[in-house]
Amino acid sequence: MEYLKTYQNYLQTIGYTNKTIKGKIERLTVYLTYSAKNNILEANHTTIATYYQWLQQQKPHCKAITLHYYMITLRQFYDWLHICNYIVDHPFSKIDLLQPKSDYTRKPIPENKLFSLWKNTLYDYEKLILIFGYGCGLRAKELTELKVHHIDFDRGFVKVTNGKNSKRRSIPLQATHLRYLYQYKIQQGLSPEHTFFTVTQNTIRIYFKQMQERLGWQRPYYSLHHLRHSIASHLVDRDMNIELVQLFLGHSSLQTTQIYVNPIKKVTAWNI
């Protein structure tokens, strides 16, 4: 366990959230407990393969994706040990971790349905959900932290200052969305510190569900996170480079962006 605290401090330094760090440390503790009688610095690819088999036996009810997270976390730990010169040979050098296949994929919301949602909004907060949730691809947490001063009205950007893992990014706004936000700010007399959503993430999810219910859509309803997946797929459908979509969404890994994208060629531009 002697390296665990140092690694935890490293994760804090590079900006991981406490919740994420806790999960990583818990998964690593399982491995370190398993390896208590062995020197983890001497592990090789056989050691890792044997551990994975043991993990499958110890956690028979875990989904494949959960076991995958255990192994990804372990590989990242050994990445750090290797960078810090604690080890010479990386035990994962001969191992390829394949993303488990999932039966569930978030299909993008068709743009005609998004257009229908926009045209049938009753409240300002419903338009804000679509502008920021779809148009900007913001996460639920990012929605609740968004303030007026995060909108650069001169340049037409939304500034996300505290994204996942404390990442920052700037997102372009459609001209129509920018005009709406400017008029909304003036009409409501909003100060720079005003928060656009003064409710919880779950309440925003309920609002989005109610918008679909009002239109008579059938279950299962689209989740709030579907908006983020949808803009990713629609941008790729419009021939945006996948690396640019990665920056737009604020993903650290291109692989994550590729999982998000589910193109449905061909779409028409959503101009509202």
Protein backbone atom coordinates (compact mmCIF):
# COMPACT_ATOMS: atom_id res chain seq x y z
CA MET A 1 0.00 0.00 0.00
CA GLU A 2 3.05 2.28 0.20
CA TYR A 3 2.53 3.73 -3.28
CA LEU A 4 -1.20 4.26 -2.95
CA LYS A 5 -1.11 7.51 -0.98
CA THR A 6 1.46 9.04 -3.33
CA TYR A 7 -0.65 8.03 -6.31
CA GLN A 8 -3.75 9.51 -4.66
CA ASN A 9 -1.93 12.82 -4.18
CA TYR A 10 -0.92 12.71 -7.86
CA LEU A 11 -4.54 12.24 -8.94
CA GLN A 12 -5.56 15.23 -6.82
CA THR A 13 -2.79 17.33 -8.32
CA ILE A 14 -3.86 16.69 -11.92
CA GLY A 15 -7.46 17.63 -11.14
CA TYR A 16 -9.53 14.48 -10.63
CA THR A 17 -12.60 14.95 -8.43
CA ASN A 18 -12.73 13.40 -4.97
CA LYS A 19 -15.50 11.03 -6.11
CA THR A 20 -13.43 9.78 -9.05
CA ILE A 21 -10.32 9.37 -6.91
CA LYS A 22 -12.28 7.42 -4.30
CA GLY A 23 -13.49 4.98 -6.95
CA LYS A 24 -10.00 4.48 -8.36
CA ILE A 25 -8.47 3.90 -4.93
CA GLU A 26 -11.18 1.40 -4.00
CA ARG A 27 -10.53 -0.59 -7.18
CA LEU A 28 -6.77 -0.47 -6.67
CA THR A 29 -7.14 -1.61 -3.06
CA VAL A 30 -8.73 -4.83 -4.33
CA TYR A 31 -5.64 -5.51 -6.44
CA LEU A 32 -3.18 -4.56 -3.71
CA THR A 33 -4.97 -6.82 -1.24
CA TYR A 34 -4.88 -9.63 -3.79
CA SER A 35 -1.12 -9.02 -4.30
CA ALA A 36 -0.29 -8.59 -0.61
CA LYS A 37 2.22 -11.45 -0.62
CA ASN A 38 3.88 -10.36 -3.85
CA ASN A 39 5.93 -7.38 -4.96
CA ILE A 40 3.66 -5.35 -7.26
CA LEU A 41 6.74 -3.84 -8.92
CA GLU A 42 7.64 -7.29 -10.26
CA ALA A 43 4.25 -7.96 -11.86
CA ASN A 44 4.18 -9.09 -15.49
CA HIS A 45 1.48 -9.81 -18.06
CA THR A 46 0.88 -13.27 -16.54
CA THR A 47 0.30 -11.66 -13.15
CA ILE A 48 -2.30 -9.33 -14.65
CA ALA A 49 -4.05 -12.12 -16.56
CA THR A 50 -4.24 -14.27 -13.41
CA TYR A 51 -5.62 -11.34 -11.43
CA TYR A 52 -8.34 -10.78 -14.04
CA GLN A 53 -9.37 -14.42 -13.82
CA TRP A 54 -9.49 -14.13 -10.02
CA LEU A 55 -11.55 -10.95 -10.30
CA GLN A 56 -14.10 -12.71 -12.51
CA GLN A 57 -14.42 -15.48 -9.91
CA GLN A 58 -14.68 -13.10 -6.96
CA LYS A 59 -17.23 -10.82 -8.63
CA PRO A 60 -19.40 -13.15 -10.72
CA HIS A 61 -22.33 -10.73 -10.75
CA CYS A 62 -20.31 -7.76 -12.03
CA LYS A 63 -20.99 -6.57 -15.56
CA ALA A 64 -18.17 -6.81 -18.08
CA ILE A 65 -17.89 -3.02 -18.18
CA THR A 66 -17.34 -2.93 -14.39
CA LEU A 67 -14.49 -5.45 -14.61
CA HIS A 68 -13.13 -3.37 -17.48
CA TYR A 69 -13.00 -0.33 -15.17
CA TYR A 70 -11.00 -2.37 -12.64
CA MET A 71 -8.43 -3.21 -15.29
CA ILE A 72 -8.30 0.30 -16.77
CA THR A 73 -7.68 1.71 -13.30
CA LEU A 74 -4.91 -0.82 -12.72
CA ARG A 75 -3.27 -0.03 -16.06
CA GLN A 76 -3.32 3.69 -15.26
CA PHE A 77 -1.68 2.94 -11.91
CA TYR A 78 1.10 1.04 -13.64
CA ASP A 79 1.40 3.85 -16.20
CA TRP A 80 2.18 6.14 -13.27
CA LEU A 81 4.65 3.67 -11.71
CA HIS A 82 6.40 3.42 -15.08
CA ILE A 83 6.56 7.19 -15.59
CA CYS A 84 7.98 7.62 -12.09
CA ASN A 85 10.63 4.93 -12.84
CA TYR A 86 9.39 2.63 -10.07
CA ILE A 87 9.24 -0.11 -12.72
CA VAL A 88 11.17 -0.76 -15.92
CA ASP A 89 8.89 -3.25 -17.65
CA HIS A 90 5.21 -2.37 -17.90
CA PRO A 91 3.03 -5.43 -17.08
CA PHE A 92 0.36 -4.28 -19.53
CA SER A 93 2.78 -3.97 -22.46
CA LYS A 94 1.58 -7.28 -23.93
CA ILE A 95 -2.08 -6.82 -22.98
CA ASP A 96 -4.79 -5.10 -25.02
CA LEU A 97 -7.83 -4.10 -22.98
CA LEU A 98 -10.81 -4.31 -25.30
CA GLN A 99 -13.90 -2.23 -24.62
CA PRO A 100 -16.69 -4.68 -23.71
CA LYS A 101 -19.62 -4.71 -26.08
CA SER A 102 -22.85 -3.38 -24.64
CA ASP A 103 -26.36 -4.29 -25.69
CA TYR A 104 -27.40 -0.73 -24.88
CA THR A 105 -26.58 2.26 -27.00
CA ARG A 106 -28.04 5.74 -26.80
CA LYS A 107 -29.56 6.40 -30.19
CA PRO A 108 -29.50 10.09 -31.09
CA ILE A 109 -32.75 12.01 -30.94
CA PRO A 110 -33.93 12.67 -34.53
CA GLU A 111 -33.63 16.33 -35.40
CA ASN A 112 -37.28 16.62 -36.37
CA LYS A 113 -38.13 15.63 -32.81
CA LEU A 114 -35.68 18.19 -31.40
CA PHE A 115 -37.29 20.82 -33.62
CA SER A 116 -40.71 19.79 -32.31
CA LEU A 117 -39.48 20.10 -28.71
CA TRP A 118 -38.20 23.61 -29.40
CA LYS A 119 -41.36 24.79 -31.14
CA ASN A 120 -43.54 23.51 -28.31
CA THR A 121 -41.62 24.92 -25.35
CA LEU A 122 -43.78 26.73 -22.82
CA TYR A 123 -41.17 28.09 -20.45
CA ASP A 124 -37.80 29.77 -20.75
CA TYR A 125 -36.10 26.99 -18.80
CA GLU A 126 -37.22 24.50 -21.46
CA LYS A 127 -35.48 26.51 -24.18
CA LEU A 128 -32.40 26.78 -21.95
CA ILE A 129 -32.33 22.98 -21.56
CA LEU A 130 -32.28 22.58 -25.35
CA ILE A 131 -29.78 25.38 -25.99
CA PHE A 132 -27.26 24.21 -23.41
CA GLY A 133 -28.05 20.49 -23.22
CA TYR A 134 -28.21 19.88 -26.96
CA GLY A 135 -26.78 22.95 -28.68
CA CYS A 136 -23.73 23.03 -26.39
CA GLY A 137 -23.67 19.38 -25.30
CA LEU A 138 -23.36 20.25 -21.61
CA ARG A 139 -23.53 17.63 -18.87
CA ALA A 140 -26.24 17.88 -16.18
CA LYS A 141 -23.69 19.08 -13.61
CA GLU A 142 -22.42 21.72 -16.02
CA LEU A 143 -25.98 22.97 -16.55
CA THR A 144 -26.52 23.59 -12.83
CA GLU A 145 -23.23 25.51 -12.52
CA LEU A 146 -23.71 27.71 -15.58
CA LYS A 147 -23.87 31.46 -14.86
CA VAL A 148 -24.52 34.50 -17.04
CA HIS A 149 -20.87 35.57 -16.96
CA HIS A 150 -19.91 32.24 -18.55
CA ILE A 151 -21.52 33.47 -21.78
CA ASP A 152 -19.17 35.53 -23.94
CA PHE A 153 -21.79 37.55 -25.83
CA ASP A 154 -19.16 39.39 -27.89
CA ARG A 155 -17.46 36.28 -29.24
CA GLY A 156 -20.44 33.92 -29.09
CA PHE A 157 -19.03 31.28 -26.75
CA VAL A 158 -20.05 29.41 -23.62
CA LYS A 159 -17.15 29.00 -21.20
CA VAL A 160 -17.24 25.79 -19.17
CA THR A 161 -14.91 26.45 -16.27
CA ASN A 162 -15.45 23.34 -14.17
CA GLY A 163 -16.18 20.39 -16.43
CA LYS A 164 -15.59 16.74 -15.64
CA ASN A 165 -12.24 16.28 -13.87
CA SER A 166 -12.10 20.10 -13.57
CA LYS A 167 -11.49 20.52 -17.31
CA ARG A 168 -12.19 23.85 -19.04
CA ARG A 169 -13.46 24.38 -22.57
CA SER A 170 -15.17 26.97 -24.77
CA ILE A 171 -18.19 26.04 -26.89
CA PRO A 172 -19.53 28.08 -29.83
CA LEU A 173 -23.17 29.18 -29.74
CA GLN A 174 -25.51 29.27 -32.72
CA ALA A 175 -26.37 32.86 -33.65
CA THR A 176 -30.07 32.29 -32.93
CA HIS A 177 -29.28 30.84 -29.52
CA LEU A 178 -26.95 33.72 -28.71
CA ARG A 179 -29.64 36.28 -29.58
CA TYR A 180 -32.18 34.45 -27.45
CA LEU A 181 -29.83 34.34 -24.46
CA TYR A 182 -29.01 38.04 -24.80
CA GLN A 183 -32.70 38.99 -24.92
CA TYR A 184 -33.42 36.66 -22.00
CA LYS A 185 -30.67 38.29 -19.94
CA ILE A 186 -31.98 41.81 -20.67
CA GLN A 187 -35.64 40.97 -20.13
CA GLN A 188 -34.97 39.21 -16.85
CA GLY A 189 -32.43 41.80 -15.66
CA LEU A 190 -29.91 39.10 -14.87
CA SER A 191 -26.64 39.88 -13.11
CA PRO A 192 -23.36 38.25 -14.22
CA GLU A 193 -23.50 35.94 -11.19
CA HIS A 194 -27.02 34.72 -11.92
CA THR A 195 -27.27 30.93 -12.34
CA PHE A 196 -29.38 29.88 -15.32
CA PHE A 197 -30.74 26.80 -13.53
CA THR A 198 -31.57 27.28 -9.84
CA VAL A 199 -32.86 23.71 -9.49
CA THR A 200 -31.15 20.34 -9.06
CA GLN A 201 -29.90 18.09 -11.84
CA ASN A 202 -32.74 15.67 -11.17
CA THR A 203 -35.33 18.46 -11.51
CA ILE A 204 -33.89 19.36 -14.92
CA ARG A 205 -34.24 15.70 -15.91
CA ILE A 206 -37.89 15.80 -14.81
CA TYR A 207 -38.46 18.96 -16.85
CA PHE A 208 -37.07 17.25 -19.95
CA LYS A 209 -39.29 14.22 -19.39
CA GLN A 210 -42.34 16.48 -19.00
CA MET A 211 -41.55 18.16 -22.32
CA GLN A 212 -41.76 14.77 -24.03
CA GLU A 213 -44.90 13.73 -22.17
CA ARG A 214 -46.63 16.93 -23.27
CA LEU A 215 -46.01 16.02 -26.92
CA GLY A 216 -47.49 12.57 -26.39
CA TRP A 217 -44.23 10.70 -26.96
CA GLN A 218 -44.19 7.09 -25.83
CA ARG A 219 -41.92 5.45 -23.28
CA PRO A 220 -39.06 4.93 -22.93
CA TYR A 221 -38.41 8.66 -22.87
CA TYR A 222 -35.10 10.16 -23.93
CA SER A 223 -32.85 10.97 -21.00
CA LEU A 224 -31.26 14.39 -20.51
CA HIS A 225 -27.91 12.83 -21.43
CA HIS A 226 -29.39 11.82 -24.80
CA LEU A 227 -29.11 15.49 -25.79
CA ARG A 228 -25.33 15.33 -25.38
CA HIS A 229 -25.06 12.09 -27.34
CA SER A 230 -27.32 13.50 -30.04
CA ILE A 231 -25.28 16.63 -30.71
CA ALA A 232 -22.14 14.47 -30.95
CA SER A 233 -23.74 12.22 -33.57
CA HIS A 234 -25.25 15.12 -35.49
CA LEU A 235 -21.94 16.98 -35.65
CA VAL A 236 -20.23 13.91 -37.09
CA ASP A 237 -23.09 13.56 -39.56
CA ARG A 238 -22.28 17.10 -40.70
CA ASP A 239 -18.70 15.95 -41.33
CA MET A 240 -17.11 17.55 -38.29
CA ASN A 241 -13.76 15.92 -37.47
CA ILE A 242 -14.07 13.45 -34.57
CA GLU A 243 -11.16 15.14 -32.74
CA LEU A 244 -13.07 18.45 -32.84
CA VAL A 245 -16.15 16.70 -31.45
CA GLN A 246 -13.93 15.37 -28.65
CA LEU A 247 -12.89 18.94 -27.78
CA PHE A 248 -16.51 20.12 -28.04
CA LEU A 249 -17.64 17.51 -25.51
CA GLY A 250 -14.62 17.88 -23.24
CA HIS A 251 -13.58 14.24 -23.42
CA SER A 252 -10.08 13.22 -22.31
CA SER A 253 -10.18 10.13 -24.49
CA LEU A 254 -11.04 9.91 -28.18
CA GLN A 255 -12.36 6.41 -27.46
CA THR A 256 -15.04 7.90 -25.21
CA THR A 257 -16.14 10.22 -28.00
CA GLN A 258 -16.32 7.32 -30.44
CA ILE A 259 -18.64 5.50 -28.02
CA TYR A 260 -20.88 8.59 -27.90
CA VAL A 261 -21.19 8.91 -31.65
CA ASN A 262 -23.91 6.98 -33.45
CA PRO A 263 -24.26 8.62 -36.87
CA ILE A 264 -27.61 8.46 -38.68
CA LYS A 265 -26.71 9.88 -42.11
CA LYS A 266 -28.11 12.20 -43.29
CA VAL A 267 -29.54 15.02 -41.20
CA THR A 268 -30.77 18.50 -41.87
CA ALA A 269 -29.41 21.45 -39.95
CA TRP A 270 -31.33 22.38 -36.81
CA ASN A 271 -31.84 26.09 -37.31
CA ILE A 272 -34.28 27.55 -34.81
